[in-house]
Amino acid sequence: MRVSEALDDWMQHLGSERALSSHTCRAYQGEIERFVEGLGDPQTTALQPRRIRRFLSSRHRSVEATSLSRSVSALKQFLGYLYHRGWTEDDLGAGLKHPKQPKRLPRPLAPDDASSLADEPLHGRKDGETGLDLDCRDRAIVELLYGAGLRISELCGLKPVDLDLRQRTVRVLGKGNKERIVPFPMATKQALLAWLGLRSVHFYDGEPGLSEALFLGRRGTDLKPDAVRRRLQQLAKRAGIPGRVHPHRLRHSFATHLLEGGADLRAIQELLGHASLSTTQKYTAVSLAHLEKVYDEAHPRA
């Protein structure tokens, strides 16, 4: 069997048996397709460690550590799959090591900037094509991303039934299909109520072709993650917020501002849906950096 044929089989496996997002599946597929192209699509039995090392070495010269780490992750899983299917004699990915990642602290928004971003849609106009107040929808999106710390995939996967407006909580299906309940503030509730009111006026449940998603595009279809990213950057530009503003930056801001307000690290871990506390601990470094800045600016002996 050629490696490209094995890739097709593996992609079907990822899509049906693994709880991986479509974004992750596409990223892994791209990495292995690059691998196949670099090796000339050999038979799986012809794969050798030196050819794999040569491929990763060429990647190392052309990409950053984060991209190389994704290549290693994809190869480890793919080569492990080949071995378990009996298409290679050894697990050729077992010894692959991830490159050391440079430590990069998240860049949270200032609280005032986060508030400005949430309020910016209120200054917008109605969409000229349908009259639907998309700015109302956008405000609810920003409030939920910042008010509940959701991942973009979690936000786009929400349905109205996932909201409990009386309790001010949202049921979220996170990574690995793990469910969690996340509270949100009153400002988020008000924004959601406004959007749900408009949603019920402009879209009718049961209408043919209407998505069940909480957040819809102007034609009643699912709102895609890329559309949310583009819209968020547009709002940030309108609000005069410098730098790149993306959904994950709002998630970083949510966690960092909670920590700076005295929230327990374990509680933040639960709210974010992190499997490991070590993933959440990076926010302690952000908070420490903030405290050091405050000290330097305020202490007379600094």
C-alpha atoms as a PDB file:
ATOM      1  CA  MET A   1       0.000   0.000   0.000  1.00  0.00           C
ATOM      2  CA  ARG A   2       1.241   3.469  -0.868  1.00  0.00           C
ATOM      3  CA  VAL A   3       1.471   6.116   1.829  1.00  0.00           C
ATOM      4  CA  SER A   4      -1.133   8.295   0.081  1.00  0.00           C
ATOM      5  CA  GLU A   5      -3.640   5.427   0.201  1.00  0.00           C
ATOM      6  CA  ALA A   6      -2.900   4.900   3.876  1.00  0.00           C
ATOM      7  CA  LEU A   7      -3.486   8.613   4.417  1.00  0.00           C
ATOM      8  CA  ASP A   8      -6.998   8.353   2.969  1.00  0.00           C
ATOM      9  CA  ASP A   9      -7.717   5.473   5.341  1.00  0.00           C
ATOM     10  CA  TRP A  10      -6.311   7.400   8.302  1.00  0.00           C
ATOM     11  CA  MET A  11      -8.400  10.482   7.546  1.00  0.00           C
ATOM     12  CA  GLN A  12     -11.552   8.367   7.575  1.00  0.00           C
ATOM     13  CA  HIS A  13     -10.422   6.970  10.930  1.00  0.00           C
ATOM     14  CA  LEU A  14      -9.875  10.459  12.358  1.00  0.00           C
ATOM     15  CA  GLY A  15     -13.244  11.641  11.118  1.00  0.00           C
ATOM     16  CA  SER A  16     -15.255   8.707  12.473  1.00  0.00           C
ATOM     17  CA  GLU A  17     -13.454   7.434  15.589  1.00  0.00           C
ATOM     18  CA  ARG A  18     -11.412  10.307  17.041  1.00  0.00           C
ATOM     19  CA  ALA A  19     -12.836  13.353  18.790  1.00  0.00           C
ATOM     20  CA  LEU A  20     -10.747  15.781  16.735  1.00  0.00           C
ATOM     21  CA  SER A  21     -12.043  19.037  15.319  1.00  0.00           C
ATOM     22  CA  SER A  22     -12.313  19.439  11.554  1.00  0.00           C
ATOM     23  CA  HIS A  23      -9.649  22.160  11.799  1.00  0.00           C
ATOM     24  CA  THR A  24      -7.193  19.718  13.428  1.00  0.00           C
ATOM     25  CA  CYS A  25      -8.004  17.011  10.875  1.00  0.00           C
ATOM     26  CA  ARG A  26      -7.321  19.392   7.982  1.00  0.00           C
ATOM     27  CA  ALA A  27      -4.062  20.531   9.575  1.00  0.00           C
ATOM     28  CA  TYR A  28      -2.892  16.934  10.057  1.00  0.00           C
ATOM     29  CA  GLN A  29      -3.897  16.032   6.519  1.00  0.00           C
ATOM     30  CA  GLY A  30      -1.880  18.943   5.148  1.00  0.00           C
ATOM     31  CA  GLU A  31       1.195  17.865   7.106  1.00  0.00           C
ATOM     32  CA  ILE A  32       1.053  14.269   5.879  1.00  0.00           C
ATOM     33  CA  GLU A  33       0.355  15.336   2.297  1.00  0.00           C
ATOM     34  CA  ARG A  34       3.520  17.434   2.508  1.00  0.00           C
ATOM     35  CA  PHE A  35       5.337  14.378   3.863  1.00  0.00           C
ATOM     36  CA  VAL A  36       4.048  12.193   1.005  1.00  0.00           C
ATOM     37  CA  GLU A  37       5.079  14.779  -1.579  1.00  0.00           C
ATOM     38  CA  GLY A  38       8.551  15.091  -0.086  1.00  0.00           C
ATOM     39  CA  LEU A  39       9.135  11.341  -0.135  1.00  0.00           C
ATOM     40  CA  GLY A  40       7.572  10.667  -3.540  1.00  0.00           C
ATOM     41  CA  ASP A  41       4.668   8.560  -2.184  1.00  0.00           C
ATOM     42  CA  PRO A  42       6.556   5.315  -1.441  1.00  0.00           C
ATOM     43  CA  GLN A  43       5.089   2.032  -0.273  1.00  0.00           C
ATOM     44  CA  THR A  44       4.460   1.982   3.481  1.00  0.00           C
ATOM     45  CA  THR A  45       6.929  -0.906   3.791  1.00  0.00           C
ATOM     46  CA  ALA A  46       9.648   1.293   2.268  1.00  0.00           C
ATOM     47  CA  LEU A  47       9.434   3.941   4.981  1.00  0.00           C
ATOM     48  CA  GLN A  48      12.663   4.270   6.935  1.00  0.00           C
ATOM     49  CA  PRO A  49      13.669   6.376   9.963  1.00  0.00           C
ATOM     50  CA  ARG A  50      16.355   8.230   7.999  1.00  0.00           C
ATOM     51  CA  ARG A  51      13.827   9.386   5.390  1.00  0.00           C
ATOM     52  CA  ILE A  52      11.526  10.647   8.129  1.00  0.00           C
ATOM     53  CA  ARG A  53      14.403  12.463   9.846  1.00  0.00           C
ATOM     54  CA  ARG A  54      15.421  14.013   6.528  1.00  0.00           C
ATOM     55  CA  PHE A  55      11.882  15.305   5.993  1.00  0.00           C
ATOM     56  CA  LEU A  56      11.706  16.829   9.486  1.00  0.00           C
ATOM     57  CA  SER A  57      15.149  18.338   9.035  1.00  0.00           C
ATOM     58  CA  SER A  58      13.990  20.110   5.885  1.00  0.00           C
ATOM     59  CA  ARG A  59      10.893  21.351   7.723  1.00  0.00           C
ATOM     60  CA  HIS A  60      13.046  22.610  10.578  1.00  0.00           C
ATOM     61  CA  ARG A  61      14.949  24.869   8.187  1.00  0.00           C
ATOM     62  CA  SER A  62      11.811  26.464   6.769  1.00  0.00           C
ATOM     63  CA  VAL A  63       9.254  26.772   9.595  1.00  0.00           C
ATOM     64  CA  GLU A  64       9.014  27.944  13.196  1.00  0.00           C
ATOM     65  CA  ALA A  65       9.021  25.585  16.164  1.00  0.00           C
ATOM     66  CA  THR A  66       5.226  25.657  16.500  1.00  0.00           C
ATOM     67  CA  SER A  67       4.713  24.496  12.900  1.00  0.00           C
ATOM     68  CA  LEU A  68       7.433  21.866  13.244  1.00  0.00           C
ATOM     69  CA  SER A  69       5.759  20.578  16.401  1.00  0.00           C
ATOM     70  CA  ARG A  70       2.510  20.161  14.463  1.00  0.00           C
ATOM     71  CA  SER A  71       4.397  18.174  11.813  1.00  0.00           C
ATOM     72  CA  VAL A  72       5.804  15.900  14.521  1.00  0.00           C
ATOM     73  CA  SER A  73       2.360  15.423  16.112  1.00  0.00           C
ATOM     74  CA  ALA A  74       0.800  14.507  12.773  1.00  0.00           C
ATOM     75  CA  LEU A  75       3.628  12.122  11.875  1.00  0.00           C
ATOM     76  CA  LYS A  76       3.631  10.396  15.273  1.00  0.00           C
ATOM     77  CA  GLN A  77      -0.084   9.684  15.030  1.00  0.00           C
ATOM     78  CA  PHE A  78      -0.004   8.705  11.366  1.00  0.00           C
ATOM     79  CA  LEU A  79       3.015   6.413  11.688  1.00  0.00           C
ATOM     80  CA  GLY A  80       1.544   4.858  14.815  1.00  0.00           C
ATOM     81  CA  TYR A  81      -1.630   4.158  12.854  1.00  0.00           C
ATOM     82  CA  LEU A  82       0.358   2.471  10.062  1.00  0.00           C
ATOM     83  CA  TYR A  83       2.050   0.236  12.630  1.00  0.00           C
ATOM     84  CA  HIS A  84      -1.185  -0.774  14.358  1.00  0.00           C
ATOM     85  CA  ARG A  85      -2.728  -1.610  10.996  1.00  0.00           C
ATOM     86  CA  GLY A  86       0.244  -3.846  10.217  1.00  0.00           C
ATOM     87  CA  TRP A  87       1.451  -1.738   7.297  1.00  0.00           C
ATOM     88  CA  THR A  88       4.906  -1.162   8.815  1.00  0.00           C
ATOM     89  CA  GLU A  89       7.048  -3.521  10.869  1.00  0.00           C
ATOM     90  CA  ASP A  90       7.864  -0.906  13.521  1.00  0.00           C
ATOM     91  CA  ASP A  91       6.248   2.194  14.947  1.00  0.00           C
ATOM     92  CA  LEU A  92       8.484   4.670  13.146  1.00  0.00           C
ATOM     93  CA  GLY A  93       6.995   7.637  14.965  1.00  0.00           C
ATOM     94  CA  ALA A  94       7.580   6.392  18.509  1.00  0.00           C
ATOM     95  CA  GLY A  95      10.987   8.030  18.826  1.00  0.00           C
ATOM     96  CA  LEU A  96      10.121  11.397  17.302  1.00  0.00           C
ATOM     97  CA  LYS A  97      10.654  14.330  19.665  1.00  0.00           C
ATOM     98  CA  HIS A  98       8.833  17.637  19.706  1.00  0.00           C
ATOM     99  CA  PRO A  99      11.068  20.704  19.329  1.00  0.00           C
ATOM    100  CA  LYS A 100      11.473  22.978  22.312  1.00  0.00           C
ATOM    101  CA  GLN A 101       8.971  25.791  22.152  1.00  0.00           C
ATOM    102  CA  PRO A 102       9.972  29.356  22.977  1.00  0.00           C
ATOM    103  CA  LYS A 103       7.996  30.577  25.966  1.00  0.00           C
ATOM    104  CA  ARG A 104       5.473  33.128  24.812  1.00  0.00           C
ATOM    105  CA  LEU A 105       3.196  34.777  27.308  1.00  0.00           C
ATOM    106  CA  PRO A 106      -0.390  35.402  26.229  1.00  0.00           C
ATOM    107  CA  ARG A 107      -1.135  39.039  25.450  1.00  0.00           C
ATOM    108  CA  PRO A 108      -4.406  39.849  27.182  1.00  0.00           C
ATOM    109  CA  LEU A 109      -6.377  42.934  26.338  1.00  0.00           C
ATOM    110  CA  ALA A 110      -6.528  45.688  28.902  1.00  0.00           C
ATOM    111  CA  PRO A 111      -9.906  45.552  30.705  1.00  0.00           C
ATOM    112  CA  ASP A 112     -10.891  48.909  29.166  1.00  0.00           C
ATOM    113  CA  ASP A 113     -10.065  47.614  25.673  1.00  0.00           C
ATOM    114  CA  ALA A 114     -12.127  44.476  26.281  1.00  0.00           C
ATOM    115  CA  SER A 115     -15.079  46.660  27.295  1.00  0.00           C
ATOM    116  CA  SER A 116     -14.588  48.912  24.268  1.00  0.00           C
ATOM    117  CA  LEU A 117     -14.548  45.893  21.968  1.00  0.00           C
ATOM    118  CA  ALA A 118     -17.809  44.601  23.440  1.00  0.00           C
ATOM    119  CA  ASP A 119     -19.455  48.032  23.125  1.00  0.00           C
ATOM    120  CA  GLU A 120     -18.181  48.763  19.603  1.00  0.00           C
ATOM    121  CA  PRO A 121     -20.967  46.826  17.789  1.00  0.00           C
ATOM    122  CA  LEU A 122     -23.488  49.211  19.391  1.00  0.00           C
ATOM    123  CA  HIS A 123     -22.048  51.940  17.159  1.00  0.00           C
ATOM    124  CA  GLY A 124     -22.486  49.928  13.961  1.00  0.00           C
ATOM    125  CA  ARG A 125     -25.128  49.957  11.242  1.00  0.00           C
ATOM    126  CA  LYS A 126     -27.657  47.442  10.044  1.00  0.00           C
ATOM    127  CA  ASP A 127     -26.597  45.121   7.285  1.00  0.00           C
ATOM    128  CA  GLY A 128     -27.788  46.643   4.041  1.00  0.00           C
ATOM    129  CA  GLU A 129     -28.655  43.339   2.367  1.00  0.00           C
ATOM    130  CA  THR A 130     -31.259  41.991   4.788  1.00  0.00           C
ATOM    131  CA  GLY A 131     -31.741  44.652   7.443  1.00  0.00           C
ATOM    132  CA  LEU A 132     -30.599  42.131  10.047  1.00  0.00           C
ATOM    133  CA  ASP A 133     -28.726  43.809  12.874  1.00  0.00           C
ATOM    134  CA  LEU A 134     -25.527  41.790  12.650  1.00  0.00           C
ATOM    135  CA  ASP A 135     -23.879  44.171  15.107  1.00  0.00           C
ATOM    136  CA  CYS A 136     -26.281  42.901  17.750  1.00  0.00           C
ATOM    137  CA  ARG A 137     -25.087  39.379  17.011  1.00  0.00           C
ATOM    138  CA  ASP A 138     -21.458  40.495  17.066  1.00  0.00           C
ATOM    139  CA  ARG A 139     -21.862  42.094  20.489  1.00  0.00           C
ATOM    140  CA  ALA A 140     -23.258  38.834  21.862  1.00  0.00           C
ATOM    141  CA  ILE A 141     -20.287  36.972  20.365  1.00  0.00           C
ATOM    142  CA  VAL A 142     -17.720  39.297  21.947  1.00  0.00           C
ATOM    143  CA  GLU A 143     -19.510  39.225  25.298  1.00  0.00           C
ATOM    144  CA  LEU A 144     -19.596  35.424  25.283  1.00  0.00           C
ATOM    145  CA  LEU A 145     -15.976  34.991  24.191  1.00  0.00           C
ATOM    146  CA  TYR A 146     -14.756  37.389  26.871  1.00  0.00           C
ATOM    147  CA  GLY A 147     -17.440  36.703  29.485  1.00  0.00           C
ATOM    148  CA  ALA A 148     -17.135  32.908  29.394  1.00  0.00           C
ATOM    149  CA  GLY A 149     -13.661  32.342  27.937  1.00  0.00           C
ATOM    150  CA  LEU A 150     -14.849  30.037  25.167  1.00  0.00           C
ATOM    151  CA  ARG A 151     -12.745  28.596  22.388  1.00  0.00           C
ATOM    152  CA  ILE A 152     -13.851  29.651  18.911  1.00  0.00           C
ATOM    153  CA  SER A 153     -14.881  26.073  18.053  1.00  0.00           C
ATOM    154  CA  GLU A 154     -16.980  25.927  21.223  1.00  0.00           C
ATOM    155  CA  LEU A 155     -18.701  29.204  20.410  1.00  0.00           C
ATOM    156  CA  CYS A 156     -19.572  28.172  16.852  1.00  0.00           C
ATOM    157  CA  GLY A 157     -20.892  24.824  18.114  1.00  0.00           C
ATOM    158  CA  LEU A 158     -23.422  26.359  20.501  1.00  0.00           C
ATOM    159  CA  LYS A 159     -27.185  26.042  20.084  1.00  0.00           C
ATOM    160  CA  PRO A 160     -29.826  28.192  21.818  1.00  0.00           C
ATOM    161  CA  VAL A 161     -30.764  25.202  23.974  1.00  0.00           C
ATOM    162  CA  ASP A 162     -27.257  25.273  25.482  1.00  0.00           C
ATOM    163  CA  LEU A 163     -28.029  28.572  27.208  1.00  0.00           C
ATOM    164  CA  ASP A 164     -29.632  28.865  30.641  1.00  0.00           C
ATOM    165  CA  LEU A 165     -30.337  32.571  30.803  1.00  0.00           C
ATOM    166  CA  ARG A 166     -32.051  32.382  34.185  1.00  0.00           C
ATOM    167  CA  GLN A 167     -28.968  30.827  35.793  1.00  0.00           C
ATOM    168  CA  ARG A 168     -26.621  32.721  33.439  1.00  0.00           C
ATOM    169  CA  THR A 169     -24.729  29.610  32.369  1.00  0.00           C
ATOM    170  CA  VAL A 170     -23.810  27.976  29.071  1.00  0.00           C
ATOM    171  CA  ARG A 171     -23.277  24.278  28.430  1.00  0.00           C
ATOM    172  CA  VAL A 172     -20.093  23.853  26.391  1.00  0.00           C
ATOM    173  CA  LEU A 173     -18.775  20.824  24.519  1.00  0.00           C
ATOM    174  CA  GLY A 174     -15.007  21.182  24.651  1.00  0.00           C
ATOM    175  CA  LYS A 175     -11.988  19.236  23.458  1.00  0.00           C
ATOM    176  CA  GLY A 176     -12.379  15.471  23.574  1.00  0.00           C
ATOM    177  CA  ASN A 177     -16.171  15.931  23.739  1.00  0.00           C
ATOM    178  CA  LYS A 178     -15.872  16.934  27.404  1.00  0.00           C
ATOM    179  CA  GLU A 179     -18.873  18.895  28.607  1.00  0.00           C
ATOM    180  CA  ARG A 180     -18.666  21.729  31.119  1.00  0.00           C
ATOM    181  CA  ILE A 181     -20.977  24.406  32.472  1.00  0.00           C
ATOM    182  CA  VAL A 182     -19.624  27.958  32.422  1.00  0.00           C
ATOM    183  CA  PRO A 183     -21.271  30.987  34.070  1.00  0.00           C
ATOM    184  CA  PHE A 184     -21.349  34.379  32.385  1.00  0.00           C
ATOM    185  CA  PRO A 185     -21.961  37.951  33.618  1.00  0.00           C
ATOM    186  CA  MET A 186     -25.115  40.033  33.347  1.00  0.00           C
ATOM    187  CA  ALA A 187     -23.736  42.051  30.415  1.00  0.00           C
ATOM    188  CA  THR A 188     -23.392  38.810  28.441  1.00  0.00           C
ATOM    189  CA  LYS A 189     -26.957  37.809  29.322  1.00  0.00           C
ATOM    190  CA  GLN A 190     -28.313  41.140  28.087  1.00  0.00           C
ATOM    191  CA  ALA A 191     -26.397  40.859  24.816  1.00  0.00           C
ATOM    192  CA  LEU A 192     -27.635  37.292  24.299  1.00  0.00           C
ATOM    193  CA  LEU A 193     -31.238  38.282  25.006  1.00  0.00           C
ATOM    194  CA  ALA A 194     -31.009  41.036  22.399  1.00  0.00           C
ATOM    195  CA  TRP A 195     -29.571  38.656  19.786  1.00  0.00           C
ATOM    196  CA  LEU A 196     -32.057  35.866  20.547  1.00  0.00           C
ATOM    197  CA  GLY A 197     -34.902  38.347  20.131  1.00  0.00           C
ATOM    198  CA  LEU A 198     -33.669  39.396  16.684  1.00  0.00           C
ATOM    199  CA  ARG A 199     -32.849  35.810  15.762  1.00  0.00           C
ATOM    200  CA  SER A 200     -36.431  34.729  16.443  1.00  0.00           C
ATOM    201  CA  VAL A 201     -37.790  37.610  14.335  1.00  0.00           C
ATOM    202  CA  HIS A 202     -35.566  37.113  11.289  1.00  0.00           C
ATOM    203  CA  PHE A 203     -35.223  33.320  11.395  1.00  0.00           C
ATOM    204  CA  TYR A 204     -37.894  30.728  12.124  1.00  0.00           C
ATOM    205  CA  ASP A 205     -37.027  27.415  13.772  1.00  0.00           C
ATOM    206  CA  GLY A 206     -37.942  24.559  11.466  1.00  0.00           C
ATOM    207  CA  GLU A 207     -37.443  26.650   8.336  1.00  0.00           C
ATOM    208  CA  PRO A 208     -35.808  24.514   5.584  1.00  0.00           C
ATOM    209  CA  GLY A 209     -32.061  25.025   5.501  1.00  0.00           C
ATOM    210  CA  LEU A 210     -31.975  26.964   8.772  1.00  0.00           C
ATOM    211  CA  SER A 211     -29.076  26.023  11.005  1.00  0.00           C
ATOM    212  CA  GLU A 212     -29.701  25.092  14.642  1.00  0.00           C
ATOM    213  CA  ALA A 213     -26.605  27.064  15.685  1.00  0.00           C
ATOM    214  CA  LEU A 214     -26.922  29.923  18.146  1.00  0.00           C
ATOM    215  CA  PHE A 215     -25.004  32.320  15.912  1.00  0.00           C
ATOM    216  CA  LEU A 216     -26.051  32.509  12.270  1.00  0.00           C
ATOM    217  CA  GLY A 217     -24.860  34.196   9.126  1.00  0.00           C
ATOM    218  CA  ARG A 218     -27.120  36.559   7.213  1.00  0.00           C
ATOM    219  CA  ARG A 219     -28.635  33.634   5.262  1.00  0.00           C
ATOM    220  CA  GLY A 220     -29.404  31.527   8.299  1.00  0.00           C
ATOM    221  CA  THR A 221     -26.411  29.214   7.924  1.00  0.00           C
ATOM    222  CA  ASP A 222     -23.747  28.312  10.484  1.00  0.00           C
ATOM    223  CA  LEU A 223     -21.404  31.134  11.370  1.00  0.00           C
ATOM    224  CA  LYS A 224     -17.923  29.809  10.578  1.00  0.00           C
ATOM    225  CA  PRO A 225     -14.854  30.390  12.807  1.00  0.00           C
ATOM    226  CA  ASP A 226     -13.037  32.311  10.069  1.00  0.00           C
ATOM    227  CA  ALA A 227     -15.972  34.707   9.754  1.00  0.00           C
ATOM    228  CA  VAL A 228     -15.876  35.334  13.510  1.00  0.00           C
ATOM    229  CA  ARG A 229     -12.115  35.992  13.371  1.00  0.00           C
ATOM    230  CA  ARG A 230     -12.498  38.484  10.530  1.00  0.00           C
ATOM    231  CA  ARG A 231     -15.371  40.275  12.218  1.00  0.00           C
ATOM    232  CA  LEU A 232     -13.525  40.486  15.521  1.00  0.00           C
ATOM    233  CA  GLN A 233     -10.526  42.113  13.867  1.00  0.00           C
ATOM    234  CA  GLN A 234     -12.811  44.601  12.110  1.00  0.00           C
ATOM    235  CA  LEU A 235     -14.425  45.536  15.418  1.00  0.00           C
ATOM    236  CA  ALA A 236     -11.019  45.937  17.067  1.00  0.00           C
ATOM    237  CA  LYS A 237      -9.899  48.259  14.281  1.00  0.00           C
ATOM    238  CA  ARG A 238     -13.075  50.304  14.620  1.00  0.00           C
ATOM    239  CA  ALA A 239     -12.518  50.534  18.378  1.00  0.00           C
ATOM    240  CA  GLY A 240      -8.917  51.655  17.891  1.00  0.00           C
ATOM    241  CA  ILE A 241      -7.424  48.635  19.659  1.00  0.00           C
ATOM    242  CA  PRO A 242      -3.858  48.033  18.415  1.00  0.00           C
ATOM    243  CA  GLY A 243      -2.450  44.671  17.422  1.00  0.00           C
ATOM    244  CA  ARG A 244      -4.145  41.505  16.286  1.00  0.00           C
ATOM    245  CA  VAL A 245      -7.325  40.716  18.202  1.00  0.00           C
ATOM    246  CA  HIS A 246      -8.538  37.144  17.783  1.00  0.00           C
ATOM    247  CA  PRO A 247     -10.935  34.883  19.722  1.00  0.00           C
ATOM    248  CA  HIS A 248      -8.170  33.150  21.655  1.00  0.00           C
ATOM    249  CA  ARG A 249      -6.848  36.507  22.826  1.00  0.00           C
ATOM    250  CA  LEU A 250     -10.233  37.150  24.421  1.00  0.00           C
ATOM    251  CA  ARG A 251      -9.982  33.747  26.099  1.00  0.00           C
ATOM    252  CA  HIS A 252      -6.531  34.736  27.398  1.00  0.00           C
ATOM    253  CA  SER A 253      -7.992  38.013  28.649  1.00  0.00           C
ATOM    254  CA  PHE A 254     -10.834  36.199  30.420  1.00  0.00           C
ATOM    255  CA  ALA A 255      -8.409  33.968  32.327  1.00  0.00           C
ATOM    256  CA  THR A 256      -5.839  36.651  33.097  1.00  0.00           C
ATOM    257  CA  HIS A 257      -8.381  39.158  34.381  1.00  0.00           C
ATOM    258  CA  LEU A 258      -9.964  36.490  36.603  1.00  0.00           C
ATOM    259  CA  LEU A 259      -6.575  35.637  38.060  1.00  0.00           C
ATOM    260  CA  GLU A 260      -5.713  39.287  38.633  1.00  0.00           C
ATOM    261  CA  GLY A 261      -9.072  39.647  40.384  1.00  0.00           C
ATOM    262  CA  GLY A 262      -8.159  36.900  42.846  1.00  0.00           C
ATOM    263  CA  ALA A 263      -9.778  33.826  41.267  1.00  0.00           C
ATOM    264  CA  ASP A 264      -8.398  30.410  42.210  1.00  0.00           C
ATOM    265  CA  LEU A 265      -6.229  28.750  39.561  1.00  0.00           C
ATOM    266  CA  ARG A 266      -8.138  25.463  39.860  1.00  0.00           C
ATOM    267  CA  ALA A 267     -11.418  27.272  39.260  1.00  0.00           C
ATOM    268  CA  ILE A 268      -9.981  28.937  36.162  1.00  0.00           C
ATOM    269  CA  GLN A 269      -8.826  25.518  34.936  1.00  0.00           C
ATOM    270  CA  GLU A 270     -12.407  24.225  35.215  1.00  0.00           C
ATOM    271  CA  LEU A 271     -13.854  27.279  33.490  1.00  0.00           C
ATOM    272  CA  LEU A 272     -11.410  26.998  30.579  1.00  0.00           C
ATOM    273  CA  GLY A 273     -11.834  23.236  30.247  1.00  0.00           C
ATOM    274  CA  HIS A 274      -8.103  22.530  30.553  1.00  0.00           C
ATOM    275  CA  ALA A 275      -7.277  18.870  31.132  1.00  0.00           C
ATOM    276  CA  SER A 276      -4.066  19.763  32.971  1.00  0.00           C
ATOM    277  CA  LEU A 277      -3.385  22.481  35.521  1.00  0.00           C
ATOM    278  CA  SER A 278       0.011  23.070  33.900  1.00  0.00           C
ATOM    279  CA  THR A 279      -1.786  24.489  30.857  1.00  0.00           C
ATOM    280  CA  THR A 280      -3.554  27.014  33.073  1.00  0.00           C
ATOM    281  CA  GLN A 281      -0.430  27.940  35.035  1.00  0.00           C
ATOM    282  CA  LYS A 282       0.928  30.071  32.178  1.00  0.00           C
ATOM    283  CA  TYR A 283      -1.520  32.751  33.316  1.00  0.00           C
ATOM    284  CA  THR A 284       0.329  33.076  36.624  1.00  0.00           C
ATOM    285  CA  ALA A 285       3.330  34.344  34.647  1.00  0.00           C
ATOM    286  CA  VAL A 286       1.111  36.885  32.905  1.00  0.00           C
ATOM    287  CA  SER A 287      -0.294  38.032  36.224  1.00  0.00           C
ATOM    288  CA  LEU A 288       3.202  38.301  37.715  1.00  0.00           C
ATOM    289  CA  ALA A 289       4.317  40.395  34.740  1.00  0.00           C
ATOM    290  CA  HIS A 290       1.342  42.684  35.368  1.00  0.00           C
ATOM    291  CA  LEU A 291       2.217  43.027  39.057  1.00  0.00           C
ATOM    292  CA  GLU A 292       5.841  43.816  38.237  1.00  0.00           C
ATOM    293  CA  LYS A 293       4.713  46.565  35.861  1.00  0.00           C
ATOM    294  CA  VAL A 294       2.396  48.031  38.505  1.00  0.00           C
ATOM    295  CA  TYR A 295       5.232  47.935  41.029  1.00  0.00           C
ATOM    296  CA  ASP A 296       7.695  49.626  38.681  1.00  0.00           C
ATOM    297  CA  GLU A 297       5.212  52.390  37.911  1.00  0.00           C
ATOM    298  CA  ALA A 298       3.955  52.955  41.457  1.00  0.00           C
ATOM    299  CA  HIS A 299       6.693  52.233  43.989  1.00  0.00           C
ATOM    300  CA  PRO A 300       8.867  55.239  44.858  1.00  0.00           C
ATOM    301  CA  ARG A 301      11.984  53.052  45.100  1.00  0.00           C
ATOM    302  CA  ALA A 302      11.393  51.209  41.822  1.00  0.00           C
END
